[in-house]
Amino acid sequence: MKKKEYLERLEELHIELNSLARWLAGTGRRMVVLFEGRDTAGKGGTINAITERLNPRQVHIVALGKPSERERTEWYFKRYVAHLPAAGEVVLFDRSWYNRAGVEHVMGFCTKGEYERFLEQAPAFERMLVDDGILVLKYWLAVDQRHQEERFAERAGDPL
């Protein structure tokens, strides 16, 4: 897609997103959007493009780091519950509770028991969110190996 076409399409999408945000505010509905994917897949860039023209008092970005020692002793989903939206709000998670099934499990950051408990509890947790009226959207962003390596190389040369 050419840049001019991209910018035109992006403007149309921003108009739609603002319409959605007004609907959420007017109805008091809440929305959670999960962004998952491999490193360099574009999660942060996508979130920035989405939020660029939205009201920051209504739309919140959450990117949780590694759990603290205290958090490791608590119910896994507790750290996410603290960031759920209030009426009319949207929360965008740059990585989410699915980190437990992906990165944490693969890298050995959680036990087999914690991983299995997550697999049992995640559907029930999400059902609670939906039953409480929260709209839940989940996106997986992919990047192929070649592009991922190129992006890692770009990052290595970027001091910020």
C-alpha atoms as a PDB file:
ATOM      1  CA  MET A   1       0.000   0.000   0.000  1.00  0.00           C
ATOM      2  CA  LYS A   2       1.356   3.398  -0.941  1.00  0.00           C
ATOM      3  CA  LYS A   3       1.867   5.939   1.844  1.00  0.00           C
ATOM      4  CA  LYS A   4      -0.821   8.327   0.550  1.00  0.00           C
ATOM      5  CA  GLU A   5      -3.377   5.517   0.406  1.00  0.00           C
ATOM      6  CA  TYR A   6      -2.308   4.338   3.874  1.00  0.00           C
ATOM      7  CA  LEU A   7      -2.750   7.813   5.380  1.00  0.00           C
ATOM      8  CA  GLU A   8      -6.189   8.206   3.768  1.00  0.00           C
ATOM      9  CA  ARG A   9      -7.284   4.816   5.063  1.00  0.00           C
ATOM     10  CA  LEU A  10      -5.822   5.568   8.493  1.00  0.00           C
ATOM     11  CA  GLU A  11      -7.862   8.772   8.693  1.00  0.00           C
ATOM     12  CA  GLU A  12     -11.051   6.833   7.836  1.00  0.00           C
ATOM     13  CA  LEU A  13     -10.229   4.307  10.548  1.00  0.00           C
ATOM     14  CA  HIS A  14      -9.556   7.047  13.099  1.00  0.00           C
ATOM     15  CA  ILE A  15     -13.021   8.451  12.366  1.00  0.00           C
ATOM     16  CA  GLU A  16     -14.525   4.992  12.968  1.00  0.00           C
ATOM     17  CA  LEU A  17     -12.519   4.569  16.180  1.00  0.00           C
ATOM     18  CA  ASN A  18     -13.715   7.933  17.482  1.00  0.00           C
ATOM     19  CA  SER A  19     -17.279   6.920  16.675  1.00  0.00           C
ATOM     20  CA  LEU A  20     -16.752   3.709  18.663  1.00  0.00           C
ATOM     21  CA  ALA A  21     -15.260   5.698  21.557  1.00  0.00           C
ATOM     22  CA  ARG A  22     -18.286   8.033  21.596  1.00  0.00           C
ATOM     23  CA  TRP A  23     -20.618   5.015  21.568  1.00  0.00           C
ATOM     24  CA  LEU A  24     -18.768   3.461  24.513  1.00  0.00           C
ATOM     25  CA  ALA A  25     -18.914   6.732  26.442  1.00  0.00           C
ATOM     26  CA  GLY A  26     -22.598   7.219  25.636  1.00  0.00           C
ATOM     27  CA  THR A  27     -23.642   3.690  26.563  1.00  0.00           C
ATOM     28  CA  GLY A  28     -21.246   3.169  29.457  1.00  0.00           C
ATOM     29  CA  ARG A  29     -19.960  -0.010  27.850  1.00  0.00           C
ATOM     30  CA  ARG A  30     -16.377  -1.117  28.482  1.00  0.00           C
ATOM     31  CA  MET A  31     -13.843  -2.628  26.118  1.00  0.00           C
ATOM     32  CA  VAL A  32     -10.625  -4.587  26.549  1.00  0.00           C
ATOM     33  CA  VAL A  33      -8.363  -5.188  23.556  1.00  0.00           C
ATOM     34  CA  LEU A  34      -5.515  -7.692  23.839  1.00  0.00           C
ATOM     35  CA  PHE A  35      -2.500  -7.485  21.536  1.00  0.00           C
ATOM     36  CA  GLU A  36      -0.242 -10.510  21.427  1.00  0.00           C
ATOM     37  CA  GLY A  37       2.467 -11.606  19.028  1.00  0.00           C
ATOM     38  CA  ARG A  38       6.131 -12.308  18.618  1.00  0.00           C
ATOM     39  CA  ASP A  39       8.685  -9.636  19.435  1.00  0.00           C
ATOM     40  CA  THR A  40       8.814  -6.992  16.683  1.00  0.00           C
ATOM     41  CA  ALA A  41       5.409  -8.021  15.281  1.00  0.00           C
ATOM     42  CA  GLY A  42       4.197  -4.439  15.637  1.00  0.00           C
ATOM     43  CA  LYS A  43       2.097  -4.532  18.797  1.00  0.00           C
ATOM     44  CA  GLY A  44       3.337  -1.191  20.110  1.00  0.00           C
ATOM     45  CA  GLY A  45       3.155   0.509  16.717  1.00  0.00           C
ATOM     46  CA  THR A  46      -0.369  -0.768  16.150  1.00  0.00           C
ATOM     47  CA  ILE A  47      -1.478   0.426  19.572  1.00  0.00           C
ATOM     48  CA  ASN A  48       0.092   3.848  18.934  1.00  0.00           C
ATOM     49  CA  ALA A  49      -1.683   4.110  15.566  1.00  0.00           C
ATOM     50  CA  ILE A  50      -4.995   3.235  17.224  1.00  0.00           C
ATOM     51  CA  THR A  51      -4.656   5.656  20.138  1.00  0.00           C
ATOM     52  CA  GLU A  52      -3.086   8.510  18.187  1.00  0.00           C
ATOM     53  CA  ARG A  53      -6.345  10.462  17.883  1.00  0.00           C
ATOM     54  CA  LEU A  54      -8.350   9.071  20.783  1.00  0.00           C
ATOM     55  CA  ASN A  55      -9.010  10.786  24.097  1.00  0.00           C
ATOM     56  CA  PRO A  56      -6.321   9.635  26.582  1.00  0.00           C
ATOM     57  CA  ARG A  57      -8.809  10.106  29.446  1.00  0.00           C
ATOM     58  CA  GLN A  58     -10.940   7.375  27.880  1.00  0.00           C
ATOM     59  CA  VAL A  59      -8.347   5.052  26.336  1.00  0.00           C
ATOM     60  CA  HIS A  60      -5.592   3.489  28.421  1.00  0.00           C
ATOM     61  CA  ILE A  61      -2.573   1.429  27.384  1.00  0.00           C
ATOM     62  CA  VAL A  62      -1.334  -1.245  29.761  1.00  0.00           C
ATOM     63  CA  ALA A  63       2.027  -2.952  29.286  1.00  0.00           C
ATOM     64  CA  LEU A  64       2.832  -4.866  32.444  1.00  0.00           C
ATOM     65  CA  GLY A  65       6.380  -5.906  33.138  1.00  0.00           C
ATOM     66  CA  LYS A  66       7.626  -8.970  34.898  1.00  0.00           C
ATOM     67  CA  PRO A  67       5.528  -9.787  37.993  1.00  0.00           C
ATOM     68  CA  SER A  68       6.972  -8.603  41.299  1.00  0.00           C
ATOM     69  CA  GLU A  69       7.797 -11.143  43.988  1.00  0.00           C
ATOM     70  CA  ARG A  70       4.544 -10.221  45.743  1.00  0.00           C
ATOM     71  CA  GLU A  71       2.530 -10.564  42.520  1.00  0.00           C
ATOM     72  CA  ARG A  72       4.035 -14.006  41.984  1.00  0.00           C
ATOM     73  CA  THR A  73       2.340 -15.112  45.228  1.00  0.00           C
ATOM     74  CA  GLU A  74      -1.094 -13.765  44.235  1.00  0.00           C
ATOM     75  CA  TRP A  75      -3.810 -15.012  41.903  1.00  0.00           C
ATOM     76  CA  TYR A  76      -2.308 -14.623  38.429  1.00  0.00           C
ATOM     77  CA  PHE A  77      -5.151 -12.549  36.974  1.00  0.00           C
ATOM     78  CA  LYS A  78      -5.198 -10.049  39.861  1.00  0.00           C
ATOM     79  CA  ARG A  79      -2.590  -7.816  38.267  1.00  0.00           C
ATOM     80  CA  TYR A  80      -4.782  -7.509  35.172  1.00  0.00           C
ATOM     81  CA  VAL A  81      -8.043  -6.937  37.060  1.00  0.00           C
ATOM     82  CA  ALA A  82      -6.558  -3.741  38.505  1.00  0.00           C
ATOM     83  CA  HIS A  83      -6.391  -2.290  34.966  1.00  0.00           C
ATOM     84  CA  LEU A  84      -9.853  -3.223  33.677  1.00  0.00           C
ATOM     85  CA  PRO A  85     -11.876  -0.336  32.230  1.00  0.00           C
ATOM     86  CA  ALA A  86     -14.557   1.681  33.979  1.00  0.00           C
ATOM     87  CA  ALA A  87     -17.779   2.675  32.193  1.00  0.00           C
ATOM     88  CA  GLY A  88     -17.092   4.195  28.766  1.00  0.00           C
ATOM     89  CA  GLU A  89     -13.398   3.301  28.772  1.00  0.00           C
ATOM     90  CA  VAL A  90     -11.128   1.202  26.578  1.00  0.00           C
ATOM     91  CA  VAL A  91      -8.020  -0.597  27.818  1.00  0.00           C
ATOM     92  CA  LEU A  92      -5.449  -1.831  25.314  1.00  0.00           C
ATOM     93  CA  PHE A  93      -3.114  -4.490  26.684  1.00  0.00           C
ATOM     94  CA  ASP A  94       0.318  -4.601  25.024  1.00  0.00           C
ATOM     95  CA  ARG A  95       0.717  -8.272  25.850  1.00  0.00           C
ATOM     96  CA  SER A  96      -1.747  -9.744  28.285  1.00  0.00           C
ATOM     97  CA  TRP A  97      -2.509 -12.663  30.552  1.00  0.00           C
ATOM     98  CA  TYR A  98      -1.684 -14.901  27.581  1.00  0.00           C
ATOM     99  CA  ASN A  99       1.973 -14.235  28.389  1.00  0.00           C
ATOM    100  CA  ARG A 100       1.621 -17.093  30.874  1.00  0.00           C
ATOM    101  CA  ALA A 101       0.815 -19.565  28.070  1.00  0.00           C
ATOM    102  CA  GLY A 102       3.477 -18.210  25.738  1.00  0.00           C
ATOM    103  CA  VAL A 103       6.606 -16.494  26.983  1.00  0.00           C
ATOM    104  CA  GLU A 104       6.432 -17.556  30.636  1.00  0.00           C
ATOM    105  CA  HIS A 105       5.797 -21.204  29.811  1.00  0.00           C
ATOM    106  CA  VAL A 106       8.346 -21.442  26.998  1.00  0.00           C
ATOM    107  CA  MET A 107      11.077 -19.565  28.895  1.00  0.00           C
ATOM    108  CA  GLY A 108      10.507 -21.450  32.154  1.00  0.00           C
ATOM    109  CA  PHE A 109       9.228 -18.398  34.072  1.00  0.00           C
ATOM    110  CA  CYS A 110       6.287 -20.377  35.463  1.00  0.00           C
ATOM    111  CA  THR A 111       5.906 -23.904  36.758  1.00  0.00           C
ATOM    112  CA  LYS A 112       4.046 -26.622  34.926  1.00  0.00           C
ATOM    113  CA  GLY A 113       1.316 -26.360  37.566  1.00  0.00           C
ATOM    114  CA  GLU A 114       0.983 -22.588  37.079  1.00  0.00           C
ATOM    115  CA  TYR A 115       0.789 -23.091  33.325  1.00  0.00           C
ATOM    116  CA  GLU A 116      -1.885 -25.794  33.602  1.00  0.00           C
ATOM    117  CA  ARG A 117      -3.886 -23.725  36.106  1.00  0.00           C
ATOM    118  CA  PHE A 118      -3.745 -20.806  33.666  1.00  0.00           C
ATOM    119  CA  LEU A 119      -5.118 -22.983  30.856  1.00  0.00           C
ATOM    120  CA  GLU A 120      -8.026 -23.976  33.103  1.00  0.00           C
ATOM    121  CA  GLN A 121      -8.727 -20.494  34.480  1.00  0.00           C
ATOM    122  CA  ALA A 122      -8.274 -18.244  31.416  1.00  0.00           C
ATOM    123  CA  PRO A 123     -11.579 -19.184  29.730  1.00  0.00           C
ATOM    124  CA  ALA A 124     -13.469 -18.731  33.023  1.00  0.00           C
ATOM    125  CA  PHE A 125     -11.757 -15.370  33.656  1.00  0.00           C
ATOM    126  CA  GLU A 126     -12.682 -14.122  30.197  1.00  0.00           C
ATOM    127  CA  ARG A 127     -16.243 -15.422  30.623  1.00  0.00           C
ATOM    128  CA  MET A 128     -16.493 -13.343  33.826  1.00  0.00           C
ATOM    129  CA  LEU A 129     -15.369 -10.247  31.918  1.00  0.00           C
ATOM    130  CA  VAL A 130     -17.896 -10.807  29.141  1.00  0.00           C
ATOM    131  CA  ASP A 131     -20.690 -11.666  31.591  1.00  0.00           C
ATOM    132  CA  ASP A 132     -19.963  -8.388  33.375  1.00  0.00           C
ATOM    133  CA  GLY A 133     -20.489  -6.507  30.101  1.00  0.00           C
ATOM    134  CA  ILE A 134     -16.899  -5.986  28.984  1.00  0.00           C
ATOM    135  CA  LEU A 135     -16.316  -6.333  25.252  1.00  0.00           C
ATOM    136  CA  VAL A 136     -13.149  -8.412  24.784  1.00  0.00           C
ATOM    137  CA  LEU A 137     -11.207  -8.339  21.512  1.00  0.00           C
ATOM    138  CA  LYS A 138      -8.042 -10.375  20.972  1.00  0.00           C
ATOM    139  CA  TYR A 139      -5.457  -9.865  18.243  1.00  0.00           C
ATOM    140  CA  TRP A 140      -2.389 -11.905  17.359  1.00  0.00           C
ATOM    141  CA  LEU A 141       0.149 -10.000  15.259  1.00  0.00           C
ATOM    142  CA  ALA A 142       2.577 -12.110  13.285  1.00  0.00           C
ATOM    143  CA  VAL A 143       5.946 -11.394  11.739  1.00  0.00           C
ATOM    144  CA  ASP A 144       8.059 -13.767   9.707  1.00  0.00           C
ATOM    145  CA  GLN A 145      11.606 -14.679  10.743  1.00  0.00           C
ATOM    146  CA  ARG A 146      13.320 -12.504   8.114  1.00  0.00           C
ATOM    147  CA  HIS A 147      11.390  -9.363   9.049  1.00  0.00           C
ATOM    148  CA  GLN A 148      11.820 -10.096  12.737  1.00  0.00           C
ATOM    149  CA  GLU A 149      15.613 -10.295  12.329  1.00  0.00           C
ATOM    150  CA  GLU A 150      15.620  -7.028  10.343  1.00  0.00           C
ATOM    151  CA  ARG A 151      13.621  -5.307  13.077  1.00  0.00           C
ATOM    152  CA  PHE A 152      15.900  -6.658  15.807  1.00  0.00           C
ATOM    153  CA  ALA A 153      18.873  -5.227  13.881  1.00  0.00           C
ATOM    154  CA  GLU A 154      17.113  -1.837  13.631  1.00  0.00           C
ATOM    155  CA  ARG A 155      16.434  -1.882  17.373  1.00  0.00           C
ATOM    156  CA  ALA A 156      20.044  -2.713  18.149  1.00  0.00           C
ATOM    157  CA  GLY A 157      21.130   0.495  16.427  1.00  0.00           C
ATOM    158  CA  ASP A 158      18.484   2.678  18.101  1.00  0.00           C
ATOM    159  CA  PRO A 159      19.639   4.128  21.445  1.00  0.00           C
ATOM    160  CA  LEU A 160      16.027   4.865  22.476  1.00  0.00           C
END
